[in-house]
Amino acid sequence: QRLLFILEGYGNHILIQDHHIQISQEQLANMLTTSRQTINHELSLLEKQNIIKIAFRKIEILDIEKLKVIAQVHS
C-alpha cells in the first residue's frame, strides 16, 4: 500500500520517476515503523512475482495492477 501511496504522488515527487521510486529499504522500513529485514522479505516476495524489481536505493514497479490487487487484499 505504501508503494502505491508514494507512486501515486502522495509522497515526495523527487523520489518518483516513471514507476521508479528512489527509496532505500531502510527509509521504507522507517516510514512503516518496521524492520529493514521485514521490508526486504516482503519486497523479495513481490519481486519473485515480477511485480517489482529491487535495485540499490530504488524500487521499480513492473506491474502496478497486480500491486493494486495485493494492496486491496491486505487493506
C-alpha atoms as a PDB file:
ATOM      1  CA  GLN A   1       0.000   0.000   0.000  1.00  0.00           C
ATOM      2  CA  ARG A   2       2.804   2.400   0.864  1.00  0.00           C
ATOM      3  CA  LEU A   3       4.489   1.827  -2.507  1.00  0.00           C
ATOM      4  CA  LEU A   4       1.248   2.753  -4.272  1.00  0.00           C
ATOM      5  CA  PHE A   5       0.812   5.743  -1.970  1.00  0.00           C
ATOM      6  CA  ILE A   6       4.257   7.016  -2.934  1.00  0.00           C
ATOM      7  CA  LEU A   7       3.856   6.139  -6.614  1.00  0.00           C
ATOM      8  CA  GLU A   8       0.502   7.891  -6.957  1.00  0.00           C
ATOM      9  CA  GLY A   9       2.061  11.179  -5.972  1.00  0.00           C
ATOM     10  CA  TYR A  10       1.287  11.491  -2.298  1.00  0.00           C
ATOM     11  CA  GLY A  11       4.949  11.126  -1.492  1.00  0.00           C
ATOM     12  CA  ASN A  12       7.908  13.260  -2.461  1.00  0.00           C
ATOM     13  CA  HIS A  13       7.719  13.854  -6.241  1.00  0.00           C
ATOM     14  CA  ILE A  14      11.510  13.974  -6.411  1.00  0.00           C
ATOM     15  CA  LEU A  15      11.548  10.285  -5.459  1.00  0.00           C
ATOM     16  CA  ILE A  16       9.239   9.204  -8.287  1.00  0.00           C
ATOM     17  CA  GLN A  17      10.137   8.845 -11.962  1.00  0.00           C
ATOM     18  CA  ASP A  18       8.457   6.535 -14.492  1.00  0.00           C
ATOM     19  CA  HIS A  19       7.392   3.915 -11.940  1.00  0.00           C
ATOM     20  CA  HIS A  20      10.781   4.042 -10.226  1.00  0.00           C
ATOM     21  CA  ILE A  21      10.779   5.023  -6.558  1.00  0.00           C
ATOM     22  CA  GLN A  22      14.082   6.318  -5.218  1.00  0.00           C
ATOM     23  CA  ILE A  23      13.988   4.986  -1.669  1.00  0.00           C
ATOM     24  CA  SER A  24      16.125   2.672   0.395  1.00  0.00           C
ATOM     25  CA  GLN A  25      14.705  -0.300   2.213  1.00  0.00           C
ATOM     26  CA  GLU A  26      15.770   1.380   5.458  1.00  0.00           C
ATOM     27  CA  GLN A  27      13.782   4.524   4.583  1.00  0.00           C
ATOM     28  CA  LEU A  28      10.730   2.450   3.670  1.00  0.00           C
ATOM     29  CA  ALA A  29      11.056   0.497   6.920  1.00  0.00           C
ATOM     30  CA  ASN A  30      11.176   3.751   8.878  1.00  0.00           C
ATOM     31  CA  MET A  31       8.047   5.025   7.099  1.00  0.00           C
ATOM     32  CA  LEU A  32       6.211   1.841   8.062  1.00  0.00           C
ATOM     33  CA  THR A  33       7.773   1.554  11.532  1.00  0.00           C
ATOM     34  CA  THR A  34       9.049  -1.940  10.851  1.00  0.00           C
ATOM     35  CA  SER A  35      12.442  -3.558  10.380  1.00  0.00           C
ATOM     36  CA  ARG A  36      14.512  -3.443   7.216  1.00  0.00           C
ATOM     37  CA  GLN A  37      14.570  -7.241   7.300  1.00  0.00           C
ATOM     38  CA  THR A  38      10.759  -7.363   7.151  1.00  0.00           C
ATOM     39  CA  ILE A  39      10.738  -4.914   4.239  1.00  0.00           C
ATOM     40  CA  ASN A  40      13.402  -6.939   2.452  1.00  0.00           C
ATOM     41  CA  HIS A  41      11.371 -10.129   2.874  1.00  0.00           C
ATOM     42  CA  GLU A  42       8.132  -8.552   1.601  1.00  0.00           C
ATOM     43  CA  LEU A  43       9.833  -6.821  -1.334  1.00  0.00           C
ATOM     44  CA  SER A  44      11.559 -10.076  -2.267  1.00  0.00           C
ATOM     45  CA  LEU A  45       8.173 -11.823  -2.394  1.00  0.00           C
ATOM     46  CA  LEU A  46       6.870  -9.111  -4.732  1.00  0.00           C
ATOM     47  CA  GLU A  47       9.992  -9.360  -6.868  1.00  0.00           C
ATOM     48  CA  LYS A  48       9.587 -13.147  -7.231  1.00  0.00           C
ATOM     49  CA  GLN A  49       6.094 -12.485  -8.611  1.00  0.00           C
ATOM     50  CA  ASN A  50       7.545  -9.985 -11.144  1.00  0.00           C
ATOM     51  CA  ILE A  51       5.538  -7.156  -9.602  1.00  0.00           C
ATOM     52  CA  ILE A  52       8.569  -5.070  -8.666  1.00  0.00           C
ATOM     53  CA  LYS A  53      12.300  -5.023  -9.292  1.00  0.00           C
ATOM     54  CA  ILE A  54      14.620  -4.157  -6.434  1.00  0.00           C
ATOM     55  CA  ALA A  55      17.842  -2.237  -7.027  1.00  0.00           C
ATOM     56  CA  PHE A  56      20.166  -0.185  -4.833  1.00  0.00           C
ATOM     57  CA  ARG A  57      18.008   2.527  -3.216  1.00  0.00           C
ATOM     58  CA  LYS A  58      15.395   2.042  -5.908  1.00  0.00           C
ATOM     59  CA  ILE A  59      12.205   0.061  -6.445  1.00  0.00           C
ATOM     60  CA  GLU A  60      10.819  -0.281  -9.947  1.00  0.00           C
ATOM     61  CA  ILE A  61       7.118  -1.083 -10.254  1.00  0.00           C
ATOM     62  CA  LEU A  62       6.753  -3.603 -13.088  1.00  0.00           C
ATOM     63  CA  ASP A  63       3.058  -4.454 -12.687  1.00  0.00           C
ATOM     64  CA  ILE A  64       1.070  -1.725 -10.985  1.00  0.00           C
ATOM     65  CA  GLU A  65      -2.250  -3.554 -11.454  1.00  0.00           C
ATOM     66  CA  LYS A  66      -1.042  -6.637  -9.577  1.00  0.00           C
ATOM     67  CA  LEU A  67       0.366  -4.374  -6.872  1.00  0.00           C
ATOM     68  CA  LYS A  68      -3.034  -2.689  -6.506  1.00  0.00           C
ATOM     69  CA  VAL A  69      -4.764  -6.070  -6.171  1.00  0.00           C
ATOM     70  CA  ILE A  70      -2.338  -7.155  -3.459  1.00  0.00           C
ATOM     71  CA  ALA A  71      -2.761  -3.826  -1.659  1.00  0.00           C
ATOM     72  CA  GLN A  72      -6.560  -4.279  -1.660  1.00  0.00           C
ATOM     73  CA  VAL A  73      -6.294  -7.810  -0.265  1.00  0.00           C
ATOM     74  CA  HIS A  74      -4.076  -6.616   2.585  1.00  0.00           C
ATOM     75  CA  SER A  75      -6.039  -3.478   3.474  1.00  0.00           C
END
